Amino acid sequence: MDRSGKTRWKKLKKKVINKYKSKIMLMKKIILCLSAFIYSATFVAQTDSTQIEAENLAHMIDSIHSSLKYETGKIDLQSGTATLNVPQGYKFLNGTQSNYVLTTGRFY
C-alpha cells in the first residue's frame, strides 16, 4: 500500500469509528449490565453451606430434645427406693434416657 492508500484507510477507519461510536458504547454498556446481572444472580441463588449445616444441627438438636421426656419436681426413683426433688429450672432424665445421652455421644 502506498502512502495515499494508508491515508485513505486511516480516514475511512476514523469515519466508520465515529459513525458507530455511540452504538458501540451502547452495546458495551448493555453487555456490562447483563454480565453484572448474571453474575449477581448466581450468588443470590446459592445458599451458604455453613448456614445449611447450622440449620441441620439445630433441627437435630430440637428433635433430640423433643424425643426426651424430662421430669421436674418430686420424682420417685426405682419403685420408691428414693425420692428426688428437682428444683425449678432443672430437668431430670431417667436411667434409660441418661444412658442414651451419655453413650451415643450425639447429644449437643
C-alpha atoms as a PDB file:
ATOM      1  CA  MET A   1       0.000   0.000   0.000  1.00  0.00           C
ATOM      2  CA  ASP A   2       1.345   3.400  -0.868  1.00  0.00           C
ATOM      3  CA  ARG A   3       1.218   6.453   1.297  1.00  0.00           C
ATOM      4  CA  SER A   4      -2.043   7.774  -0.105  1.00  0.00           C
ATOM      5  CA  GLY A   5      -3.683   4.345   0.390  1.00  0.00           C
ATOM      6  CA  LYS A   6      -2.673   4.283   4.036  1.00  0.00           C
ATOM      7  CA  THR A   7      -4.011   7.794   4.486  1.00  0.00           C
ATOM      8  CA  ARG A   8      -7.328   6.867   2.871  1.00  0.00           C
ATOM      9  CA  TRP A   9      -7.554   3.739   5.055  1.00  0.00           C
ATOM     10  CA  LYS A  10      -6.955   5.753   8.220  1.00  0.00           C
ATOM     11  CA  LYS A  11      -9.599   8.307   7.187  1.00  0.00           C
ATOM     12  CA  LEU A  12     -12.091   5.558   6.378  1.00  0.00           C
ATOM     13  CA  LYS A  13     -11.369   3.801   9.681  1.00  0.00           C
ATOM     14  CA  LYS A  14     -11.819   7.063  11.573  1.00  0.00           C
ATOM     15  CA  LYS A  15     -15.070   7.792   9.720  1.00  0.00           C
ATOM     16  CA  VAL A  16     -16.502   4.346  10.499  1.00  0.00           C
ATOM     17  CA  ILE A  17     -15.462   4.535  14.147  1.00  0.00           C
ATOM     18  CA  ASN A  18     -17.027   7.982  14.541  1.00  0.00           C
ATOM     19  CA  LYS A  19     -20.213   6.850  12.805  1.00  0.00           C
ATOM     20  CA  TYR A  20     -20.734   3.791  15.018  1.00  0.00           C
ATOM     21  CA  LYS A  21     -19.073   5.049  18.204  1.00  0.00           C
ATOM     22  CA  SER A  22     -22.342   5.713  20.047  1.00  0.00           C
ATOM     23  CA  LYS A  23     -23.745   2.301  19.046  1.00  0.00           C
ATOM     24  CA  ILE A  24     -20.548   0.560  20.137  1.00  0.00           C
ATOM     25  CA  MET A  25     -20.642   2.331  23.502  1.00  0.00           C
ATOM     26  CA  LEU A  26     -24.302   1.390  23.940  1.00  0.00           C
ATOM     27  CA  MET A  27     -23.541  -2.265  23.177  1.00  0.00           C
ATOM     28  CA  LYS A  28     -20.649  -2.229  25.666  1.00  0.00           C
ATOM     29  CA  LYS A  29     -22.952  -0.813  28.362  1.00  0.00           C
ATOM     30  CA  ILE A  30     -25.638  -3.410  27.642  1.00  0.00           C
ATOM     31  CA  ILE A  31     -23.117  -6.261  27.761  1.00  0.00           C
ATOM     32  CA  LEU A  32     -21.673  -4.913  31.009  1.00  0.00           C
ATOM     33  CA  CYS A  33     -25.120  -4.626  32.634  1.00  0.00           C
ATOM     34  CA  LEU A  34     -26.161  -8.095  31.511  1.00  0.00           C
ATOM     35  CA  SER A  35     -22.958  -9.694  32.735  1.00  0.00           C
ATOM     36  CA  ALA A  36     -23.264  -7.909  36.100  1.00  0.00           C
ATOM     37  CA  PHE A  37     -26.876  -9.086  36.425  1.00  0.00           C
ATOM     38  CA  ILE A  38     -25.998 -12.700  35.590  1.00  0.00           C
ATOM     39  CA  TYR A  39     -23.015 -12.630  37.958  1.00  0.00           C
ATOM     40  CA  SER A  40     -25.103 -11.282  40.850  1.00  0.00           C
ATOM     41  CA  ALA A  41     -27.969 -13.699  40.171  1.00  0.00           C
ATOM     42  CA  THR A  42     -25.668 -16.688  40.608  1.00  0.00           C
ATOM     43  CA  PHE A  43     -24.710 -15.528  44.114  1.00  0.00           C
ATOM     44  CA  VAL A  44     -28.298 -14.882  45.166  1.00  0.00           C
ATOM     45  CA  ALA A  45     -29.303 -18.410  44.149  1.00  0.00           C
ATOM     46  CA  GLN A  46     -26.593 -20.072  46.229  1.00  0.00           C
ATOM     47  CA  THR A  47     -27.037 -20.695  49.945  1.00  0.00           C
ATOM     48  CA  ASP A  48     -24.135 -20.643  52.334  1.00  0.00           C
ATOM     49  CA  SER A  49     -23.139 -24.193  53.318  1.00  0.00           C
ATOM     50  CA  THR A  50     -22.429 -23.157  56.921  1.00  0.00           C
ATOM     51  CA  GLN A  51     -25.971 -21.803  57.175  1.00  0.00           C
ATOM     52  CA  ILE A  52     -27.377 -25.106  55.903  1.00  0.00           C
ATOM     53  CA  GLU A  53     -25.189 -27.050  58.345  1.00  0.00           C
ATOM     54  CA  ALA A  54     -26.297 -24.833  61.252  1.00  0.00           C
ATOM     55  CA  GLU A  55     -29.957 -25.329  60.330  1.00  0.00           C
ATOM     56  CA  ASN A  56     -29.478 -29.115  60.117  1.00  0.00           C
ATOM     57  CA  LEU A  57     -27.748 -29.152  63.509  1.00  0.00           C
ATOM     58  CA  ALA A  58     -30.495 -27.033  65.086  1.00  0.00           C
ATOM     59  CA  HIS A  59     -33.132 -29.371  63.658  1.00  0.00           C
ATOM     60  CA  MET A  60     -31.290 -32.428  65.034  1.00  0.00           C
ATOM     61  CA  ILE A  61     -30.961 -30.851  68.489  1.00  0.00           C
ATOM     62  CA  ASP A  62     -34.659 -29.954  68.503  1.00  0.00           C
ATOM     63  CA  SER A  63     -35.646 -33.492  67.525  1.00  0.00           C
ATOM     64  CA  ILE A  64     -33.470 -34.983  70.300  1.00  0.00           C
ATOM     65  CA  HIS A  65     -34.884 -32.567  72.876  1.00  0.00           C
ATOM     66  CA  SER A  66     -38.428 -33.331  71.810  1.00  0.00           C
ATOM     67  CA  SER A  67     -37.846 -37.109  71.966  1.00  0.00           C
ATOM     68  CA  LEU A  68     -36.549 -36.984  75.556  1.00  0.00           C
ATOM     69  CA  LYS A  69     -39.055 -36.866  78.398  1.00  0.00           C
ATOM     70  CA  TYR A  70     -37.719 -34.581  81.084  1.00  0.00           C
ATOM     71  CA  GLU A  71     -39.112 -34.757  84.595  1.00  0.00           C
ATOM     72  CA  THR A  72     -39.239 -31.955  87.135  1.00  0.00           C
ATOM     73  CA  GLY A  73     -40.382 -31.529  90.709  1.00  0.00           C
ATOM     74  CA  LYS A  74     -40.752 -34.549  93.052  1.00  0.00           C
ATOM     75  CA  ILE A  75     -39.634 -37.821  91.422  1.00  0.00           C
ATOM     76  CA  ASP A  76     -39.767 -41.343  92.909  1.00  0.00           C
ATOM     77  CA  LEU A  77     -36.707 -43.351  91.848  1.00  0.00           C
ATOM     78  CA  GLN A  78     -36.927 -47.115  91.090  1.00  0.00           C
ATOM     79  CA  SER A  79     -40.050 -48.310  92.779  1.00  0.00           C
ATOM     80  CA  GLY A  80     -39.888 -45.833  95.643  1.00  0.00           C
ATOM     81  CA  THR A  81     -36.344 -46.552  96.873  1.00  0.00           C
ATOM     82  CA  ALA A  82     -35.632 -42.845  96.929  1.00  0.00           C
ATOM     83  CA  THR A  83     -37.295 -39.537  96.193  1.00  0.00           C
ATOM     84  CA  LEU A  84     -35.629 -36.786  94.262  1.00  0.00           C
ATOM     85  CA  ASN A  85     -36.723 -33.163  94.354  1.00  0.00           C
ATOM     86  CA  VAL A  86     -35.644 -31.404  91.138  1.00  0.00           C
ATOM     87  CA  PRO A  87     -35.549 -27.620  91.632  1.00  0.00           C
ATOM     88  CA  GLN A  88     -37.248 -25.247  89.209  1.00  0.00           C
ATOM     89  CA  GLY A  89     -35.083 -24.568  86.152  1.00  0.00           C
ATOM     90  CA  TYR A  90     -33.523 -28.064  86.206  1.00  0.00           C
ATOM     91  CA  LYS A  91     -34.567 -31.207  84.353  1.00  0.00           C
ATOM     92  CA  PHE A  92     -34.188 -34.893  85.191  1.00  0.00           C
ATOM     93  CA  LEU A  93     -33.742 -37.808  82.774  1.00  0.00           C
ATOM     94  CA  ASN A  94     -34.424 -41.372  83.896  1.00  0.00           C
ATOM     95  CA  GLY A  95     -31.782 -44.100  83.616  1.00  0.00           C
ATOM     96  CA  THR A  96     -32.645 -45.240  80.087  1.00  0.00           C
ATOM     97  CA  GLN A  97     -32.631 -41.752  78.630  1.00  0.00           C
ATOM     98  CA  SER A  98     -29.490 -40.760  80.524  1.00  0.00           C
ATOM     99  CA  ASN A  99     -27.756 -43.840  79.137  1.00  0.00           C
ATOM    100  CA  TYR A 100     -28.811 -42.831  75.613  1.00  0.00           C
ATOM    101  CA  VAL A 101     -27.443 -39.311  76.039  1.00  0.00           C
ATOM    102  CA  LEU A 102     -24.140 -40.488  77.529  1.00  0.00           C
ATOM    103  CA  THR A 103     -23.430 -43.414  75.184  1.00  0.00           C
ATOM    104  CA  THR A 104     -24.482 -42.087  71.791  1.00  0.00           C
ATOM    105  CA  GLY A 105     -22.322 -39.002  72.041  1.00  0.00           C
ATOM    106  CA  ARG A 106     -24.765 -37.237  69.746  1.00  0.00           C
ATOM    107  CA  PHE A 107     -26.450 -35.034  72.275  1.00  0.00           C
ATOM    108  CA  TYR A 108     -25.372 -31.428  71.760  1.00  0.00           C
END
